[in-house]
Amino acid sequence: MLLAGDVGGTKTLLGLFTRAAARPEALALRAYPTNEFANFTEILHAFERDVRPQAAIEAAVVGVAGPVVHQRAKLTNIVWDISAAEITAWSGARRAVLLNDLEAMANSVTVLTPDELLVLQEGVPNPEGNAVVIAAGTGLGEAYLHRVNGRLRPVPSEGGHADFAPRTDREIDMLRMLRDIYGRVDVERILCGPGLVNVHRFTHGGRVCPPVLRAAPGNEPAAISQAAMAGECAECVEALDLFVSAYGSEAGNLGMRGVATAGVYVGGGIAPKILPVLQRGAFMEAFRTKPPMDEMLARMPVRVILNAEAGVLGAAVYANEM
């Protein structure tokens, strides 16, 4: 039996899987609100109470939203430390491994089925090329998949915390506002749930519009995107348009950095919720408009990951190969 996990700033997914030739089969999956627990071990105990594993855990792999160094991680958007030793102590597994959460998600892309992906650009996939994954949710994650001996091997990064590069006068104005607030503006200040709230603050001149005022605490990003897609608030429409354009541009940046001729995968919790806006064209226009690399970017396949459990599935794929 395999234990797989995906620890995010908002939600933690844990699952038990059985081994398989390529894609492990889920026996049990549970989701937990990360902030309602004092540490990861508390979630593991809750999972044990809920699932009551009937067989020994052979391998455990957990993706975490933060850099992993010497099998320890300090999460970026929540005050937690997690170690592989902590997982071993709870599970008794012969081997436990921590991965960056996007590294874990990247392990899933080769086993996802066509109905778990939505095509934004068909492209011309290169079977010998590399791929990349970008995912906006509570934070922004990025990972590379390098082709090694014919197989795509995930490589983690902290690219979501690289500097934001504005392309238009409007984006430059937004950068100035955010710089006054935060000092330094990384890409995550814009491309994540709280980032959309930052963009909303910019388009509204600091005021809060009625759809967001009505939102429950923590649901502001969803309220902004819903108001935008419904045409309820013109400034929300602009906020989501700015967000989508910046998302497409950063996805293109990542595609160039990774020479992702085998594909660019857009994961995370936000993309599936705003698919109609992603499909309108601004995302792909910002993705492709990067001379002198326009032609290469126009040939890259671009797909949205629709499987909300891709992170925990990718962790299970890694455990399956251990």
C-alpha atoms as a PDB file:
ATOM      1  CA  MET A   1       0.000   0.000   0.000  1.00  0.00           C
ATOM      2  CA  LEU A   2       1.157   3.522  -0.825  1.00  0.00           C
ATOM      3  CA  LEU A   3       0.507   6.745   1.097  1.00  0.00           C
ATOM      4  CA  ALA A   4       0.395   9.932  -0.969  1.00  0.00           C
ATOM      5  CA  GLY A   5      -0.196  13.503   0.111  1.00  0.00           C
ATOM      6  CA  ASP A   6      -0.514  17.028  -1.233  1.00  0.00           C
ATOM      7  CA  VAL A   7      -0.114  19.711   1.444  1.00  0.00           C
ATOM      8  CA  GLY A   8      -1.235  23.177   0.379  1.00  0.00           C
ATOM      9  CA  GLY A   9      -1.762  26.450   2.167  1.00  0.00           C
ATOM     10  CA  THR A  10      -5.538  25.971   2.130  1.00  0.00           C
ATOM     11  CA  LYS A  11      -6.223  22.263   1.692  1.00  0.00           C
ATOM     12  CA  THR A  12      -4.370  19.026   2.351  1.00  0.00           C
ATOM     13  CA  LEU A  13      -5.200  15.853   0.408  1.00  0.00           C
ATOM     14  CA  LEU A  14      -4.143  12.422   1.661  1.00  0.00           C
ATOM     15  CA  GLY A  15      -4.730   9.127  -0.068  1.00  0.00           C
ATOM     16  CA  LEU A  16      -4.029   5.411   0.083  1.00  0.00           C
ATOM     17  CA  PHE A  17      -3.174   3.785  -3.235  1.00  0.00           C
ATOM     18  CA  THR A  18      -2.369   0.319  -4.544  1.00  0.00           C
ATOM     19  CA  ARG A  19       0.549  -0.268  -6.876  1.00  0.00           C
ATOM     20  CA  ALA A  20      -0.065  -0.528 -10.617  1.00  0.00           C
ATOM     21  CA  ALA A  21       1.962  -0.691 -13.798  1.00  0.00           C
ATOM     22  CA  ALA A  22       1.657   3.063 -14.469  1.00  0.00           C
ATOM     23  CA  ARG A  23      -1.147   4.815 -12.590  1.00  0.00           C
ATOM     24  CA  PRO A  24      -1.726   3.730  -8.982  1.00  0.00           C
ATOM     25  CA  GLU A  25      -5.339   3.092  -8.010  1.00  0.00           C
ATOM     26  CA  ALA A  26      -6.842   5.176  -5.205  1.00  0.00           C
ATOM     27  CA  LEU A  27      -8.351   3.185  -2.337  1.00  0.00           C
ATOM     28  CA  ALA A  28      -9.243   6.165  -0.151  1.00  0.00           C
ATOM     29  CA  LEU A  29      -8.891   9.935  -0.480  1.00  0.00           C
ATOM     30  CA  ARG A  30      -9.592  12.559   2.160  1.00  0.00           C
ATOM     31  CA  ALA A  31      -9.325  16.357   2.175  1.00  0.00           C
ATOM     32  CA  TYR A  32      -8.569  18.457   5.260  1.00  0.00           C
ATOM     33  CA  PRO A  33      -8.521  22.250   5.817  1.00  0.00           C
ATOM     34  CA  THR A  34      -4.821  22.834   6.451  1.00  0.00           C
ATOM     35  CA  ASN A  35      -5.276  25.853   8.724  1.00  0.00           C
ATOM     36  CA  GLU A  36      -7.501  23.929  11.133  1.00  0.00           C
ATOM     37  CA  PHE A  37      -4.580  21.742  12.276  1.00  0.00           C
ATOM     38  CA  ALA A  38      -1.562  22.712  14.335  1.00  0.00           C
ATOM     39  CA  ASN A  39       0.846  20.540  12.321  1.00  0.00           C
ATOM     40  CA  PHE A  40       0.993  17.834   9.676  1.00  0.00           C
ATOM     41  CA  THR A  41       1.097  14.975  12.191  1.00  0.00           C
ATOM     42  CA  GLU A  42      -2.358  16.015  13.432  1.00  0.00           C
ATOM     43  CA  ILE A  43      -3.694  15.612   9.889  1.00  0.00           C
ATOM     44  CA  LEU A  44      -2.038  12.203   9.612  1.00  0.00           C
ATOM     45  CA  HIS A  45      -3.783  11.095  12.820  1.00  0.00           C
ATOM     46  CA  ALA A  46      -7.120  12.411  11.521  1.00  0.00           C
ATOM     47  CA  PHE A  47      -6.575  10.476   8.292  1.00  0.00           C
ATOM     48  CA  GLU A  48      -5.824   7.307  10.276  1.00  0.00           C
ATOM     49  CA  ARG A  49      -9.075   7.712  12.226  1.00  0.00           C
ATOM     50  CA  ASP A  50     -11.058   8.338   9.059  1.00  0.00           C
ATOM     51  CA  VAL A  51      -9.584   5.616   6.850  1.00  0.00           C
ATOM     52  CA  ARG A  52      -8.185   2.986   9.246  1.00  0.00           C
ATOM     53  CA  PRO A  53      -5.555   1.439   6.915  1.00  0.00           C
ATOM     54  CA  GLN A  54      -5.801  -2.345   6.854  1.00  0.00           C
ATOM     55  CA  ALA A  55      -2.366  -3.063   5.385  1.00  0.00           C
ATOM     56  CA  ALA A  56       1.193  -1.906   5.951  1.00  0.00           C
ATOM     57  CA  ILE A  57       2.326   1.217   4.097  1.00  0.00           C
ATOM     58  CA  GLU A  58       5.313   0.358   1.901  1.00  0.00           C
ATOM     59  CA  ALA A  59       6.171   3.850   0.688  1.00  0.00           C
ATOM     60  CA  ALA A  60       4.973   7.354   1.488  1.00  0.00           C
ATOM     61  CA  VAL A  61       5.397  10.446  -0.680  1.00  0.00           C
ATOM     62  CA  VAL A  62       4.051  13.881   0.225  1.00  0.00           C
ATOM     63  CA  GLY A  63       4.155  17.039  -1.875  1.00  0.00           C
ATOM     64  CA  VAL A  64       4.456  20.262   0.111  1.00  0.00           C
ATOM     65  CA  ALA A  65       4.035  23.914  -0.882  1.00  0.00           C
ATOM     66  CA  GLY A  66       7.580  25.067  -0.250  1.00  0.00           C
ATOM     67  CA  PRO A  67      11.215  24.230  -0.959  1.00  0.00           C
ATOM     68  CA  VAL A  68      12.423  20.817   0.241  1.00  0.00           C
ATOM     69  CA  VAL A  69      15.994  20.695   1.558  1.00  0.00           C
ATOM     70  CA  HIS A  70      17.469  17.556   3.159  1.00  0.00           C
ATOM     71  CA  GLN A  71      13.955  16.090   3.304  1.00  0.00           C
ATOM     72  CA  ARG A  72      12.644  18.928   5.439  1.00  0.00           C
ATOM     73  CA  ALA A  73      10.355  21.738   4.328  1.00  0.00           C
ATOM     74  CA  LYS A  74       9.158  25.032   5.753  1.00  0.00           C
ATOM     75  CA  LEU A  75       5.859  25.791   4.037  1.00  0.00           C
ATOM     76  CA  THR A  76       5.643  29.140   2.281  1.00  0.00           C
ATOM     77  CA  ASN A  77       2.059  30.173   3.040  1.00  0.00           C
ATOM     78  CA  ILE A  78       1.503  28.529   6.425  1.00  0.00           C
ATOM     79  CA  VAL A  79       3.668  28.384   9.557  1.00  0.00           C
ATOM     80  CA  TRP A  80       4.528  24.692   9.399  1.00  0.00           C
ATOM     81  CA  ASP A  81       7.664  22.573   9.192  1.00  0.00           C
ATOM     82  CA  ILE A  82       7.348  19.057   7.766  1.00  0.00           C
ATOM     83  CA  SER A  83       9.981  16.318   7.604  1.00  0.00           C
ATOM     84  CA  ALA A  84      10.182  12.916   5.981  1.00  0.00           C
ATOM     85  CA  ALA A  85      11.151  11.551   9.413  1.00  0.00           C
ATOM     86  CA  GLU A  86       7.786  12.742  10.784  1.00  0.00           C
ATOM     87  CA  ILE A  87       5.983  10.770   8.066  1.00  0.00           C
ATOM     88  CA  THR A  88       8.115   7.683   8.658  1.00  0.00           C
ATOM     89  CA  ALA A  89       7.391   7.804  12.400  1.00  0.00           C
ATOM     90  CA  TRP A  90       3.649   7.865  11.757  1.00  0.00           C
ATOM     91  CA  SER A  91       3.414   5.450   8.824  1.00  0.00           C
ATOM     92  CA  GLY A  92       6.165   2.942   9.511  1.00  0.00           C
ATOM     93  CA  ALA A  93       6.958   3.021   5.791  1.00  0.00           C
ATOM     94  CA  ARG A  94      10.331   1.683   4.705  1.00  0.00           C
ATOM     95  CA  ARG A  95      10.824   4.868   2.765  1.00  0.00           C
ATOM     96  CA  ALA A  96       9.194   8.284   3.024  1.00  0.00           C
ATOM     97  CA  VAL A  97       9.960  11.173   0.696  1.00  0.00           C
ATOM     98  CA  LEU A  98       9.031  14.861   0.640  1.00  0.00           C
ATOM     99  CA  LEU A  99       8.641  16.571  -2.725  1.00  0.00           C
ATOM    100  CA  ASN A 100       7.864  20.137  -3.653  1.00  0.00           C
ATOM    101  CA  ASP A 101       4.135  20.212  -4.451  1.00  0.00           C
ATOM    102  CA  LEU A 102       4.651  21.156  -8.109  1.00  0.00           C
ATOM    103  CA  GLU A 103       7.283  18.439  -8.469  1.00  0.00           C
ATOM    104  CA  ALA A 104       4.658  16.023  -7.161  1.00  0.00           C
ATOM    105  CA  MET A 105       1.994  17.343  -9.543  1.00  0.00           C
ATOM    106  CA  ALA A 106       4.429  17.100 -12.450  1.00  0.00           C
ATOM    107  CA  ASN A 107       4.709  13.358 -11.828  1.00  0.00           C
ATOM    108  CA  SER A 108       1.041  13.028 -12.781  1.00  0.00           C
ATOM    109  CA  VAL A 109       1.132  14.524 -16.278  1.00  0.00           C
ATOM    110  CA  THR A 110       2.215  11.346 -18.077  1.00  0.00           C
ATOM    111  CA  VAL A 111      -0.671   9.325 -16.581  1.00  0.00           C
ATOM    112  CA  LEU A 112      -3.505  11.843 -16.952  1.00  0.00           C
ATOM    113  CA  THR A 113      -6.245  10.779 -19.363  1.00  0.00           C
ATOM    114  CA  PRO A 114      -7.553  13.004 -22.192  1.00  0.00           C
ATOM    115  CA  ASP A 115     -10.738  13.784 -20.246  1.00  0.00           C
ATOM    116  CA  GLU A 116      -8.586  15.143 -17.393  1.00  0.00           C
ATOM    117  CA  LEU A 117      -7.016  17.754 -19.667  1.00  0.00           C
ATOM    118  CA  LEU A 118      -8.449  20.711 -21.591  1.00  0.00           C
ATOM    119  CA  VAL A 119      -6.572  21.900 -24.659  1.00  0.00           C
ATOM    120  CA  LEU A 120      -5.814  25.618 -24.934  1.00  0.00           C
ATOM    121  CA  GLN A 121      -3.347  25.121 -27.791  1.00  0.00           C
ATOM    122  CA  GLU A 122      -2.959  21.852 -29.670  1.00  0.00           C
ATOM    123  CA  GLY A 123       0.575  22.675 -30.743  1.00  0.00           C
ATOM    124  CA  VAL A 124       2.969  20.153 -32.239  1.00  0.00           C
ATOM    125  CA  PRO A 125       4.179  17.925 -29.385  1.00  0.00           C
ATOM    126  CA  ASN A 126       7.800  16.869 -29.548  1.00  0.00           C
ATOM    127  CA  PRO A 127       8.125  13.319 -28.147  1.00  0.00           C
ATOM    128  CA  GLU A 128      11.772  14.014 -27.336  1.00  0.00           C
ATOM    129  CA  GLY A 129      11.150  17.412 -25.707  1.00  0.00           C
ATOM    130  CA  ASN A 130      10.782  18.763 -22.196  1.00  0.00           C
ATOM    131  CA  ALA A 131       7.616  19.933 -20.448  1.00  0.00           C
ATOM    132  CA  VAL A 132       6.674  22.340 -17.646  1.00  0.00           C
ATOM    133  CA  VAL A 133       3.878  22.759 -15.105  1.00  0.00           C
ATOM    134  CA  ILE A 134       2.549  26.032 -13.682  1.00  0.00           C
ATOM    135  CA  ALA A 135      -0.209  26.154 -11.066  1.00  0.00           C
ATOM    136  CA  ALA A 136      -1.922  29.094  -9.402  1.00  0.00           C
ATOM    137  CA  GLY A 137      -3.952  28.419  -6.265  1.00  0.00           C
ATOM    138  CA  THR A 138      -3.269  29.606  -2.735  1.00  0.00           C
ATOM    139  CA  GLY A 139       0.205  30.366  -4.095  1.00  0.00           C
ATOM    140  CA  LEU A 140       1.972  29.994  -7.441  1.00  0.00           C
ATOM    141  CA  GLY A 141       4.052  26.931  -8.200  1.00  0.00           C
ATOM    142  CA  GLU A 142       6.246  26.026 -11.158  1.00  0.00           C
ATOM    143  CA  ALA A 143       8.155  22.889 -12.108  1.00  0.00           C
ATOM    144  CA  TYR A 144      10.150  21.557 -15.028  1.00  0.00           C
ATOM    145  CA  LEU A 145      10.035  18.110 -16.603  1.00  0.00           C
ATOM    146  CA  HIS A 146      13.357  17.304 -18.258  1.00  0.00           C
ATOM    147  CA  ARG A 147      13.556  14.458 -20.775  1.00  0.00           C
ATOM    148  CA  VAL A 148      16.110  11.968 -19.444  1.00  0.00           C
ATOM    149  CA  ASN A 149      16.668   8.649 -21.228  1.00  0.00           C
ATOM    150  CA  GLY A 150      13.312   9.000 -22.940  1.00  0.00           C
ATOM    151  CA  ARG A 151      11.311   9.793 -19.789  1.00  0.00           C
ATOM    152  CA  LEU A 152      10.063  13.071 -18.342  1.00  0.00           C
ATOM    153  CA  ARG A 153      11.681  13.645 -14.946  1.00  0.00           C
ATOM    154  CA  PRO A 154      10.275  16.437 -12.729  1.00  0.00           C
ATOM    155  CA  VAL A 155      12.598  19.106 -11.379  1.00  0.00           C
ATOM    156  CA  PRO A 156      11.299  21.490  -8.669  1.00  0.00           C
ATOM    157  CA  SER A 157      11.662  25.252  -8.684  1.00  0.00           C
ATOM    158  CA  GLU A 158      10.605  28.299  -6.703  1.00  0.00           C
ATOM    159  CA  GLY A 159       9.880  30.236  -9.874  1.00  0.00           C
ATOM    160  CA  GLY A 160       6.643  31.580  -8.443  1.00  0.00           C
ATOM    161  CA  HIS A 161       8.772  33.863  -6.280  1.00  0.00           C
ATOM    162  CA  ALA A 162      10.779  35.281  -9.180  1.00  0.00           C
ATOM    163  CA  ASP A 163      10.256  38.960 -10.005  1.00  0.00           C
ATOM    164  CA  PHE A 164       7.075  39.977 -11.799  1.00  0.00           C
ATOM    165  CA  ALA A 165       7.839  41.410 -15.263  1.00  0.00           C
ATOM    166  CA  PRO A 166       5.166  43.895 -16.411  1.00  0.00           C
ATOM    167  CA  ARG A 167       4.603  44.193 -20.180  1.00  0.00           C
ATOM    168  CA  THR A 168       2.106  47.062 -20.515  1.00  0.00           C
ATOM    169  CA  ASP A 169       1.705  50.531 -19.054  1.00  0.00           C
ATOM    170  CA  ARG A 170      -1.253  49.265 -17.011  1.00  0.00           C
ATOM    171  CA  GLU A 171       0.837  46.424 -15.575  1.00  0.00           C
ATOM    172  CA  ILE A 172       3.633  48.899 -14.799  1.00  0.00           C
ATOM    173  CA  ASP A 173       1.152  51.006 -12.828  1.00  0.00           C
ATOM    174  CA  MET A 174       0.017  47.873 -10.980  1.00  0.00           C
ATOM    175  CA  LEU A 175       3.632  46.983 -10.196  1.00  0.00           C
ATOM    176  CA  ARG A 176       4.189  50.456  -8.746  1.00  0.00           C
ATOM    177  CA  MET A 177       1.166  50.133  -6.471  1.00  0.00           C
ATOM    178  CA  LEU A 178       2.200  46.686  -5.235  1.00  0.00           C
ATOM    179  CA  ARG A 179       5.806  47.790  -4.773  1.00  0.00           C
ATOM    180  CA  ASP A 180       4.592  50.588  -2.498  1.00  0.00           C
ATOM    181  CA  ILE A 181       2.753  47.978  -0.420  1.00  0.00           C
ATOM    182  CA  TYR A 182       5.193  45.051  -0.418  1.00  0.00           C
ATOM    183  CA  GLY A 183       8.556  46.521  -1.390  1.00  0.00           C
ATOM    184  CA  ARG A 184       9.355  43.676  -3.787  1.00  0.00           C
ATOM    185  CA  VAL A 185       6.779  42.247  -6.205  1.00  0.00           C
ATOM    186  CA  ASP A 186       7.193  38.588  -7.096  1.00  0.00           C
ATOM    187  CA  VAL A 187       4.914  36.819  -9.566  1.00  0.00           C
ATOM    188  CA  GLU A 188       2.906  35.236  -6.737  1.00  0.00           C
ATOM    189  CA  ARG A 189       1.779  38.705  -5.582  1.00  0.00           C
ATOM    190  CA  ILE A 190      -0.449  38.613  -8.691  1.00  0.00           C
ATOM    191  CA  LEU A 191      -0.876  34.988  -9.782  1.00  0.00           C
ATOM    192  CA  CYS A 192      -2.663  33.241  -6.941  1.00  0.00           C
ATOM    193  CA  GLY A 193      -5.893  33.678  -4.988  1.00  0.00           C
ATOM    194  CA  PRO A 194      -4.573  36.473  -2.748  1.00  0.00           C
ATOM    195  CA  GLY A 195      -2.846  37.859  -5.848  1.00  0.00           C
ATOM    196  CA  LEU A 196      -6.197  38.277  -7.596  1.00  0.00           C
ATOM    197  CA  VAL A 197      -7.304  40.273  -4.556  1.00  0.00           C
ATOM    198  CA  ASN A 198      -4.223  42.491  -5.080  1.00  0.00           C
ATOM    199  CA  VAL A 199      -5.187  43.014  -8.734  1.00  0.00           C
ATOM    200  CA  HIS A 200      -8.740  43.819  -7.618  1.00  0.00           C
ATOM    201  CA  ARG A 201      -7.346  46.435  -5.215  1.00  0.00           C
ATOM    202  CA  PHE A 202      -5.492  48.018  -8.136  1.00  0.00           C
ATOM    203  CA  THR A 203      -8.420  48.131 -10.574  1.00  0.00           C
ATOM    204  CA  HIS A 204     -10.743  49.483  -7.867  1.00  0.00           C
ATOM    205  CA  GLY A 205      -8.341  52.178  -6.659  1.00  0.00           C
ATOM    206  CA  GLY A 206      -8.212  50.635  -3.206  1.00  0.00           C
ATOM    207  CA  ARG A 207     -11.967  50.450  -2.607  1.00  0.00           C
ATOM    208  CA  VAL A 208     -13.886  47.177  -2.204  1.00  0.00           C
ATOM    209  CA  CYS A 209     -16.823  46.483  -4.535  1.00  0.00           C
ATOM    210  CA  PRO A 210     -20.170  44.994  -3.374  1.00  0.00           C
ATOM    211  CA  PRO A 211     -19.536  41.426  -4.663  1.00  0.00           C
ATOM    212  CA  VAL A 212     -16.372  41.232  -2.563  1.00  0.00           C
ATOM    213  CA  LEU A 213     -17.977  42.907   0.449  1.00  0.00           C
ATOM    214  CA  ARG A 214     -20.638  40.184   0.380  1.00  0.00           C
ATOM    215  CA  ALA A 215     -18.062  37.381   0.211  1.00  0.00           C
ATOM    216  CA  ALA A 216     -17.278  35.221   3.220  1.00  0.00           C
ATOM    217  CA  PRO A 217     -13.728  35.642   4.579  1.00  0.00           C
ATOM    218  CA  GLY A 218     -11.331  33.736   2.346  1.00  0.00           C
ATOM    219  CA  ASN A 219     -13.771  33.628  -0.589  1.00  0.00           C
ATOM    220  CA  GLU A 220     -12.815  37.008  -2.032  1.00  0.00           C
ATOM    221  CA  PRO A 221     -10.913  35.581  -5.045  1.00  0.00           C
ATOM    222  CA  ALA A 222     -13.918  33.455  -6.044  1.00  0.00           C
ATOM    223  CA  ALA A 223     -16.229  36.455  -5.625  1.00  0.00           C
ATOM    224  CA  ILE A 224     -14.014  38.562  -7.896  1.00  0.00           C
ATOM    225  CA  SER A 225     -13.835  35.948 -10.650  1.00  0.00           C
ATOM    226  CA  GLN A 226     -17.570  35.211 -10.450  1.00  0.00           C
ATOM    227  CA  ALA A 227     -18.469  38.919 -10.595  1.00  0.00           C
ATOM    228  CA  ALA A 228     -16.135  39.302 -13.571  1.00  0.00           C
ATOM    229  CA  MET A 229     -17.518  36.347 -15.521  1.00  0.00           C
ATOM    230  CA  ALA A 230     -21.086  37.492 -14.822  1.00  0.00           C
ATOM    231  CA  GLY A 231     -20.272  41.045 -15.947  1.00  0.00           C
ATOM    232  CA  GLU A 232     -21.480  42.319 -12.579  1.00  0.00           C
ATOM    233  CA  CYS A 233     -18.577  44.701 -11.970  1.00  0.00           C
ATOM    234  CA  ALA A 234     -16.512  46.385 -14.693  1.00  0.00           C
ATOM    235  CA  GLU A 235     -13.449  46.720 -12.443  1.00  0.00           C
ATOM    236  CA  CYS A 236     -13.667  42.999 -11.582  1.00  0.00           C
ATOM    237  CA  VAL A 237     -13.761  42.256 -15.324  1.00  0.00           C
ATOM    238  CA  GLU A 238     -10.550  44.240 -15.754  1.00  0.00           C
ATOM    239  CA  ALA A 239      -8.980  42.552 -12.717  1.00  0.00           C
ATOM    240  CA  LEU A 240      -9.632  39.077 -14.102  1.00  0.00           C
ATOM    241  CA  ASP A 241      -8.452  40.129 -17.570  1.00  0.00           C
ATOM    242  CA  LEU A 242      -5.187  41.450 -16.091  1.00  0.00           C
ATOM    243  CA  PHE A 243      -4.802  38.271 -14.060  1.00  0.00           C
ATOM    244  CA  VAL A 244      -5.376  35.979 -17.067  1.00  0.00           C
ATOM    245  CA  SER A 245      -3.026  37.936 -19.300  1.00  0.00           C
ATOM    246  CA  ALA A 246      -0.280  37.897 -16.653  1.00  0.00           C
ATOM    247  CA  TYR A 247      -0.895  34.154 -16.137  1.00  0.00           C
ATOM    248  CA  GLY A 248      -0.500  33.466 -19.853  1.00  0.00           C
ATOM    249  CA  SER A 249       2.655  35.545 -20.016  1.00  0.00           C
ATOM    250  CA  GLU A 250       4.257  33.750 -17.069  1.00  0.00           C
ATOM    251  CA  ALA A 251       3.264  30.366 -18.531  1.00  0.00           C
ATOM    252  CA  GLY A 252       5.023  31.402 -21.736  1.00  0.00           C
ATOM    253  CA  ASN A 253       8.077  32.543 -19.769  1.00  0.00           C
ATOM    254  CA  LEU A 254       8.226  29.154 -18.075  1.00  0.00           C
ATOM    255  CA  GLY A 255       7.751  27.380 -21.400  1.00  0.00           C
ATOM    256  CA  MET A 256      10.716  29.276 -22.842  1.00  0.00           C
ATOM    257  CA  ARG A 257      12.913  28.645 -19.815  1.00  0.00           C
ATOM    258  CA  GLY A 258      12.188  24.926 -19.954  1.00  0.00           C
ATOM    259  CA  VAL A 259      12.089  24.690 -23.782  1.00  0.00           C
ATOM    260  CA  ALA A 260       8.798  22.863 -23.203  1.00  0.00           C
ATOM    261  CA  THR A 261       8.244  21.481 -26.691  1.00  0.00           C
ATOM    262  CA  ALA A 262       6.488  18.433 -25.188  1.00  0.00           C
ATOM    263  CA  GLY A 263       3.882  20.560 -23.427  1.00  0.00           C
ATOM    264  CA  VAL A 264       2.936  23.242 -20.944  1.00  0.00           C
ATOM    265  CA  TYR A 265       0.496  22.099 -18.250  1.00  0.00           C
ATOM    266  CA  VAL A 266      -1.599  24.583 -16.281  1.00  0.00           C
ATOM    267  CA  GLY A 267      -2.649  23.131 -12.924  1.00  0.00           C
ATOM    268  CA  GLY A 268      -3.875  24.484  -9.611  1.00  0.00           C
ATOM    269  CA  GLY A 269      -7.291  25.332  -8.290  1.00  0.00           C
ATOM    270  CA  ILE A 270      -7.919  28.596 -10.162  1.00  0.00           C
ATOM    271  CA  ALA A 271      -7.650  27.589 -13.839  1.00  0.00           C
ATOM    272  CA  PRO A 272     -10.582  25.114 -13.903  1.00  0.00           C
ATOM    273  CA  LYS A 273     -12.825  27.754 -12.300  1.00  0.00           C
ATOM    274  CA  ILE A 274     -12.131  30.391 -14.968  1.00  0.00           C
ATOM    275  CA  LEU A 275     -11.968  28.213 -18.090  1.00  0.00           C
ATOM    276  CA  PRO A 276     -14.284  30.433 -20.185  1.00  0.00           C
ATOM    277  CA  VAL A 277     -11.915  33.378 -19.676  1.00  0.00           C
ATOM    278  CA  LEU A 278      -8.802  31.283 -20.332  1.00  0.00           C
ATOM    279  CA  GLN A 279     -10.346  30.141 -23.621  1.00  0.00           C
ATOM    280  CA  ARG A 280     -11.138  33.650 -24.914  1.00  0.00           C
ATOM    281  CA  GLY A 281      -7.639  34.192 -26.242  1.00  0.00           C
ATOM    282  CA  ALA A 282      -5.887  36.693 -23.960  1.00  0.00           C
ATOM    283  CA  PHE A 283      -4.087  33.910 -22.080  1.00  0.00           C
ATOM    284  CA  MET A 284      -2.649  32.366 -25.246  1.00  0.00           C
ATOM    285  CA  GLU A 285      -1.899  35.744 -26.843  1.00  0.00           C
ATOM    286  CA  ALA A 286       0.231  36.702 -23.838  1.00  0.00           C
ATOM    287  CA  PHE A 287       1.751  33.213 -23.871  1.00  0.00           C
ATOM    288  CA  ARG A 288       2.858  33.406 -27.519  1.00  0.00           C
ATOM    289  CA  THR A 289       3.788  37.088 -27.984  1.00  0.00           C
ATOM    290  CA  LYS A 290       7.469  36.876 -27.071  1.00  0.00           C
ATOM    291  CA  PRO A 291       9.663  37.704 -30.065  1.00  0.00           C
ATOM    292  CA  PRO A 292      11.952  36.195 -31.158  1.00  0.00           C
ATOM    293  CA  MET A 293      10.455  33.006 -29.621  1.00  0.00           C
ATOM    294  CA  ASP A 294       6.889  33.415 -31.003  1.00  0.00           C
ATOM    295  CA  GLU A 295       7.165  30.490 -33.414  1.00  0.00           C
ATOM    296  CA  MET A 296       8.474  28.058 -30.806  1.00  0.00           C
ATOM    297  CA  LEU A 297       5.769  29.088 -28.341  1.00  0.00           C
ATOM    298  CA  ALA A 298       3.053  28.728 -30.994  1.00  0.00           C
ATOM    299  CA  ARG A 299       4.099  25.078 -31.427  1.00  0.00           C
ATOM    300  CA  MET A 300       4.035  24.205 -27.713  1.00  0.00           C
ATOM    301  CA  PRO A 301       0.991  22.152 -26.608  1.00  0.00           C
ATOM    302  CA  VAL A 302      -0.807  23.927 -23.756  1.00  0.00           C
ATOM    303  CA  ARG A 303      -3.283  22.060 -21.563  1.00  0.00           C
ATOM    304  CA  VAL A 304      -5.225  22.787 -18.385  1.00  0.00           C
ATOM    305  CA  ILE A 305      -5.214  20.004 -15.785  1.00  0.00           C
ATOM    306  CA  LEU A 306      -8.836  19.360 -14.805  1.00  0.00           C
ATOM    307  CA  ASN A 307      -8.121  16.635 -12.233  1.00  0.00           C
ATOM    308  CA  ALA A 308      -8.282  18.414  -8.858  1.00  0.00           C
ATOM    309  CA  GLU A 309      -6.313  15.537  -7.307  1.00  0.00           C
ATOM    310  CA  ALA A 310      -3.353  15.707  -9.700  1.00  0.00           C
ATOM    311  CA  GLY A 311      -0.964  16.629  -6.874  1.00  0.00           C
ATOM    312  CA  VAL A 312      -1.750  13.633  -4.706  1.00  0.00           C
ATOM    313  CA  LEU A 313      -1.894  11.396  -7.796  1.00  0.00           C
ATOM    314  CA  GLY A 314       1.580  12.562  -8.803  1.00  0.00           C
ATOM    315  CA  ALA A 315       2.882  11.795  -5.315  1.00  0.00           C
ATOM    316  CA  ALA A 316       1.390   8.302  -5.636  1.00  0.00           C
ATOM    317  CA  VAL A 317       3.061   7.864  -9.045  1.00  0.00           C
ATOM    318  CA  TYR A 318       6.418   8.705  -7.452  1.00  0.00           C
ATOM    319  CA  ALA A 319       5.766   6.281  -4.580  1.00  0.00           C
ATOM    320  CA  ASN A 320       4.755   3.611  -7.106  1.00  0.00           C
ATOM    321  CA  GLU A 321       8.186   3.897  -8.748  1.00  0.00           C
ATOM    322  CA  MET A 322      10.167   3.753  -5.501  1.00  0.00           C
END
